[in-house]
Amino acid sequence: MLSTRERTGTARLEDMTNAELHARLRLNLLELKRLQWRTGSLVAWDAPGVLAVGLPAGSPSMQQQVLYAWPEALAPALADVEAWYLARGVRIWRVAVTPGDTAAEHALGAAGYQPHGAIGAMGRALPPHAPVCPPEGITLERPDDLDALLTLNAGCYEPGSMDYLAAWRRAPLPTPGVHAVLARESGQPLACAMSFEHAGCAGLYMVATHPRARRRGLGALVVQALQEDARARGCTHGVLQSSPDGAGLYPRLGYRDLGDWVNWVRRVP
């Protein structure tokens, strides 16, 4: 049974506004990209409140992106961001804008960016302790590297989209903050998820299920296990961005739909 203090804390988290959860997701993404820049093959342009990251020209455009901590930081940085991308031969990149952020939309529109596509955002208060019991024949592991996770994700998403994390394949997980759960059956990796934990928030990433193992509840299983682990480590809430394939899973696990982050794309002929 939850104590009065625990019930009050849980209620407060459940009462968080969408804007508060968006802010936590934005911060989590920003700090994760900083970590990937320091430990992987991403390159970056960093300024107060703004981080532009990228890969060599011709790489998947989803990794040519600009993240910002607050809207007021974005507009003054856009000219320098453009110069940085063009100097590297990159002619298309994106900025994801949260719902209602009209200041960022106006700044981007004035700088030649156009809205193109969106990705859903979700968040929740992490549930109280609830042991996760895998079905018979399934084992849950907490791997020391991301080799199996990257292989599973590479088979589910855009080819080459995970290559920039090759340094994480057989190296110890970057710490602090990176954790993973892997579900196996007869030794074969079938489902996985990774969390990046920062400032009491668990960002959920790299959720994937082998195509032959779908519709067995394994995606939900690894997410629930990762949530349980994050809660034990002191995290109080979780956030994520959802692909269309995963949009139906997370609400069943208690995640609130926060609305779409719209990609504002800059294309230079």
Protein backbone atom coordinates (compact mmCIF):
# COMPACT_ATOMS: atom_id res chain seq x y z
CA MET A 1 0.00 0.00 0.00
CA LEU A 2 1.27 3.50 -0.87
CA SER A 3 1.94 5.94 1.94
CA THR A 4 0.20 9.34 2.01
CA ARG A 5 3.45 10.94 0.84
CA GLU A 6 3.78 8.46 -2.05
CA ARG A 7 0.14 8.97 -3.07
CA THR A 8 0.59 12.75 -3.03
CA GLY A 9 3.76 12.51 -5.09
CA THR A 10 2.14 10.20 -7.61
CA ALA A 11 -0.86 12.52 -7.94
CA ARG A 12 1.47 15.46 -8.56
CA LEU A 13 3.25 13.59 -11.32
CA GLU A 14 -0.02 12.51 -12.90
CA ASP A 15 -1.13 16.15 -12.81
CA MET A 16 1.91 17.37 -14.76
CA THR A 17 0.85 19.45 -17.73
CA ASN A 18 1.73 18.45 -21.25
CA ALA A 19 4.08 21.44 -21.37
CA GLU A 20 5.97 20.16 -18.32
CA LEU A 21 6.37 16.71 -19.84
CA HIS A 22 7.43 18.20 -23.18
CA ALA A 23 10.13 20.16 -21.34
CA ARG A 24 11.41 17.00 -19.68
CA LEU A 25 11.49 15.15 -22.99
CA ARG A 26 13.33 18.04 -24.65
CA LEU A 27 15.97 18.08 -21.90
CA ASN A 28 16.35 14.30 -22.03
CA LEU A 29 16.88 14.32 -25.79
CA LEU A 30 19.36 17.18 -25.56
CA GLU A 31 21.48 15.45 -22.92
CA LEU A 32 21.31 12.10 -24.73
CA LYS A 33 22.60 13.69 -27.95
CA ARG A 34 25.40 15.33 -25.99
CA LEU A 35 26.36 11.91 -24.65
CA GLN A 36 26.24 10.36 -28.12
CA TRP A 37 28.41 13.19 -29.43
CA ARG A 38 31.02 12.55 -26.73
CA THR A 39 31.04 8.75 -27.04
CA GLY A 40 29.90 7.94 -30.60
CA SER A 41 30.51 9.27 -34.09
CA LEU A 42 28.12 12.21 -34.07
CA VAL A 43 29.65 15.63 -34.61
CA ALA A 44 28.11 18.71 -33.06
CA TRP A 45 27.91 22.49 -32.88
CA ASP A 46 27.15 23.50 -29.32
CA ALA A 47 26.01 26.86 -27.96
CA PRO A 48 24.04 27.90 -24.86
CA GLY A 49 20.60 26.35 -25.22
CA VAL A 50 21.18 24.96 -28.73
CA LEU A 51 22.86 21.79 -30.01
CA ALA A 52 23.19 20.92 -33.70
CA VAL A 53 24.29 17.34 -34.39
CA GLY A 54 25.07 15.54 -37.58
CA LEU A 55 26.78 12.83 -39.56
CA PRO A 56 28.67 12.96 -42.86
CA ALA A 57 26.76 14.35 -45.83
CA GLY A 58 24.50 11.70 -47.34
CA SER A 59 23.74 10.02 -44.02
CA PRO A 60 20.12 9.55 -42.90
CA SER A 61 18.62 13.01 -42.47
CA MET A 62 16.97 12.13 -39.15
CA GLN A 63 20.39 12.45 -37.51
CA GLN A 64 21.01 15.92 -39.00
CA GLN A 65 19.05 17.76 -36.36
CA VAL A 66 18.98 20.76 -34.09
CA LEU A 67 17.77 20.58 -30.49
CA TYR A 68 17.08 23.58 -28.31
CA ALA A 69 16.46 23.98 -24.61
CA TRP A 70 14.26 27.07 -24.83
CA PRO A 71 12.72 28.92 -27.83
CA GLU A 72 14.53 32.20 -27.20
CA ALA A 73 17.89 30.49 -27.75
CA LEU A 74 16.95 29.20 -31.20
CA ALA A 75 16.51 32.31 -33.39
CA PRO A 76 19.96 33.89 -32.68
CA ALA A 77 21.67 30.57 -33.45
CA LEU A 78 20.05 29.72 -36.79
CA ALA A 79 22.54 31.57 -39.02
CA ASP A 80 25.51 29.89 -37.32
CA VAL A 81 23.77 26.51 -37.46
CA GLU A 82 23.21 26.87 -41.20
CA ALA A 83 26.84 27.88 -41.79
CA TRP A 84 28.01 24.86 -39.79
CA TYR A 85 25.91 22.36 -41.76
CA LEU A 86 26.83 23.85 -45.14
CA ALA A 87 30.55 23.83 -44.27
CA ARG A 88 30.20 20.07 -43.75
CA GLY A 89 28.38 19.55 -47.06
CA VAL A 90 25.00 18.88 -45.39
CA ARG A 91 22.15 20.59 -47.21
CA ILE A 92 19.13 19.28 -45.32
CA TRP A 93 18.49 19.20 -41.56
CA ARG A 94 15.59 19.53 -39.16
CA VAL A 95 14.38 21.09 -35.94
CA ALA A 96 11.57 19.36 -33.99
CA VAL A 97 9.11 21.87 -32.51
CA THR A 98 6.73 21.11 -29.66
CA PRO A 99 2.99 21.92 -29.93
CA GLY A 100 2.20 25.58 -29.31
CA ASP A 101 5.80 26.81 -29.63
CA THR A 102 4.89 29.70 -31.92
CA ALA A 103 8.13 31.60 -31.18
CA ALA A 104 10.20 28.75 -32.63
CA GLU A 105 7.82 28.36 -35.58
CA HIS A 106 8.07 32.06 -36.46
CA ALA A 107 11.87 32.05 -36.20
CA LEU A 108 12.19 28.94 -38.35
CA GLY A 109 9.71 30.15 -40.97
CA ALA A 110 11.60 33.44 -41.30
CA ALA A 111 14.86 31.50 -41.79
CA GLY A 112 13.49 29.39 -44.66
CA TYR A 113 12.45 26.25 -42.78
CA GLN A 114 9.21 24.48 -43.69
CA PRO A 115 7.12 22.00 -41.67
CA HIS A 116 7.46 18.46 -42.95
CA GLY A 117 6.33 15.43 -40.97
CA ALA A 118 5.93 14.89 -37.26
CA ILE A 119 6.64 12.45 -34.48
CA GLY A 120 4.40 11.73 -31.50
CA ALA A 121 5.48 12.51 -27.94
CA MET A 122 4.27 10.73 -24.80
CA GLY A 123 4.90 10.87 -21.08
CA ARG A 124 3.75 9.43 -17.77
CA ALA A 125 4.40 9.14 -14.06
CA LEU A 126 6.24 5.88 -13.52
CA PRO A 127 4.07 3.33 -11.70
CA PRO A 128 4.72 2.10 -8.17
CA HIS A 129 6.74 -1.10 -7.72
CA ALA A 130 5.25 -3.92 -9.76
CA PRO A 131 7.46 -6.96 -10.44
CA VAL A 132 7.70 -7.97 -14.09
CA CYS A 133 7.30 -11.69 -14.71
CA PRO A 134 8.28 -12.91 -18.19
CA PRO A 135 6.32 -15.81 -19.71
CA GLU A 136 7.76 -19.29 -19.71
CA GLY A 137 10.74 -19.61 -22.03
CA ILE A 138 11.54 -15.88 -22.07
CA THR A 139 14.48 -14.46 -20.14
CA LEU A 140 15.08 -10.78 -19.36
CA GLU A 141 18.65 -9.54 -19.38
CA ARG A 142 20.36 -6.25 -18.53
CA PRO A 143 23.18 -6.34 -21.09
CA ASP A 144 26.51 -4.59 -20.61
CA ASP A 145 26.59 -3.29 -24.19
CA LEU A 146 24.16 -2.40 -26.97
CA ASP A 147 25.27 -4.92 -29.59
CA ALA A 148 22.06 -6.98 -29.63
CA LEU A 149 19.87 -3.87 -29.29
CA LEU A 150 21.52 -2.16 -32.25
CA THR A 151 21.16 -5.30 -34.37
CA LEU A 152 17.46 -5.60 -33.55
CA ASN A 153 16.85 -1.91 -34.25
CA ALA A 154 18.79 -2.05 -37.52
CA GLY A 155 16.35 -4.71 -38.73
CA CYS A 156 13.29 -2.64 -37.82
CA TYR A 157 14.13 0.93 -38.84
CA GLU A 158 15.81 2.93 -41.59
CA PRO A 159 18.96 1.13 -42.87
CA GLY A 160 22.09 2.75 -41.46
CA SER A 161 20.14 4.79 -38.92
CA MET A 162 22.04 3.22 -36.00
CA ASP A 163 25.54 3.19 -37.49
CA TYR A 164 26.59 6.28 -35.55
CA LEU A 165 26.39 4.23 -32.34
CA ALA A 166 28.78 1.52 -33.54
CA ALA A 167 31.17 2.45 -30.72
CA TRP A 168 28.49 1.30 -28.25
CA ARG A 169 28.22 -2.21 -29.71
CA ARG A 170 30.76 -4.07 -27.61
CA ALA A 171 31.86 -1.35 -25.22
CA PRO A 172 30.44 -0.95 -21.71
CA LEU A 173 27.28 1.15 -21.65
CA PRO A 174 28.06 4.85 -21.24
CA THR A 175 27.47 5.97 -17.67
CA PRO A 176 25.83 7.51 -15.91
CA GLY A 177 22.36 7.16 -17.32
CA VAL A 178 22.23 4.51 -20.07
CA HIS A 179 20.45 1.24 -19.26
CA ALA A 180 18.96 -1.56 -21.34
CA VAL A 181 16.67 -4.59 -21.17
CA LEU A 182 16.77 -7.48 -23.62
CA ALA A 183 14.28 -10.36 -23.96
CA ARG A 184 15.62 -13.67 -25.27
CA GLU A 185 14.08 -16.99 -26.18
CA SER A 186 16.39 -20.00 -26.62
CA GLY A 187 19.28 -17.55 -26.67
CA GLN A 188 17.89 -15.43 -29.52
CA PRO A 189 17.28 -11.70 -28.90
CA LEU A 190 13.62 -10.97 -29.61
CA ALA A 191 12.81 -7.59 -28.03
CA CYS A 192 14.71 -4.72 -26.46
CA ALA A 193 14.54 -1.21 -25.06
CA MET A 194 17.01 1.37 -23.76
CA SER A 195 16.56 4.19 -21.28
CA PHE A 196 18.56 7.34 -20.76
CA GLU A 197 17.98 8.65 -17.27
CA HIS A 198 18.66 12.29 -16.42
CA ALA A 199 17.31 14.59 -13.71
CA GLY A 200 14.81 11.99 -12.46
CA CYS A 201 13.41 11.35 -15.94
CA ALA A 202 13.71 8.10 -17.91
CA GLY A 203 13.71 8.68 -21.65
CA LEU A 204 12.71 5.54 -23.55
CA TYR A 205 14.58 4.75 -26.77
CA MET A 206 15.50 1.93 -29.15
CA VAL A 207 12.37 -0.13 -28.52
CA ALA A 208 12.27 -2.93 -31.08
CA THR A 209 10.81 -6.41 -31.53
CA HIS A 210 12.03 -8.99 -34.02
CA PRO A 211 9.46 -9.22 -36.87
CA ARG A 212 8.88 -12.92 -36.19
CA ALA A 213 8.17 -12.30 -32.50
CA ARG A 214 5.59 -9.54 -32.72
CA ARG A 215 2.11 -9.68 -31.19
CA ARG A 216 3.39 -11.71 -28.24
CA GLY A 217 3.57 -8.84 -25.76
CA LEU A 218 7.37 -8.78 -25.72
CA GLY A 219 7.63 -5.07 -26.51
CA ALA A 220 5.40 -4.29 -23.55
CA LEU A 221 7.44 -6.68 -21.41
CA VAL A 222 10.79 -4.94 -21.98
CA VAL A 223 9.26 -1.48 -21.55
CA GLN A 224 7.66 -2.49 -18.24
CA ALA A 225 10.93 -4.01 -17.04
CA LEU A 226 12.84 -0.87 -17.98
CA GLN A 227 10.26 1.28 -16.17
CA GLU A 228 10.56 -0.88 -13.07
CA ASP A 229 14.36 -0.56 -13.16
CA ALA A 230 14.19 3.20 -13.66
CA ARG A 231 11.78 3.62 -10.77
CA ALA A 232 14.14 1.62 -8.52
CA ARG A 233 16.95 3.98 -9.52
CA GLY A 234 14.90 6.98 -8.42
CA CYS A 235 13.26 8.13 -11.66
CA THR A 236 9.75 9.47 -11.21
CA HIS A 237 8.51 9.89 -14.78
CA GLY A 238 9.10 8.58 -18.28
CA VAL A 239 9.02 10.25 -21.69
CA LEU A 240 9.39 9.07 -25.26
CA GLN A 241 8.88 9.76 -28.93
CA SER A 242 6.83 7.14 -30.73
CA SER A 243 7.06 5.79 -34.25
CA PRO A 244 3.70 5.04 -35.94
CA ASP A 245 4.30 1.33 -35.30
CA GLY A 246 4.58 1.92 -31.56
CA ALA A 247 1.80 4.45 -31.16
CA GLY A 248 -0.71 1.82 -30.03
CA LEU A 249 1.58 0.20 -27.47
CA TYR A 250 2.46 3.04 -25.12
CA PRO A 251 -1.05 4.25 -24.16
CA ARG A 252 -1.80 0.68 -23.03
CA LEU A 253 1.21 0.99 -20.71
CA GLY A 254 -0.01 4.23 -19.17
CA TYR A 255 1.65 6.84 -21.40
CA ARG A 256 -0.24 10.03 -22.14
CA ASP A 257 -0.35 11.34 -25.70
CA LEU A 258 1.28 14.79 -25.59
CA GLY A 259 0.74 15.67 -29.24
CA ASP A 260 3.08 15.76 -32.21
CA TRP A 261 6.45 17.41 -32.47
CA VAL A 262 6.54 18.90 -35.98
CA ASN A 263 9.78 18.66 -37.95
CA TRP A 264 10.74 21.99 -39.48
CA VAL A 265 13.14 21.19 -42.30
CA ARG A 266 15.73 23.42 -43.95
CA ARG A 267 16.69 22.45 -47.49
CA VAL A 268 19.43 24.38 -49.26
CA PRO A 269 19.58 23.81 -53.05
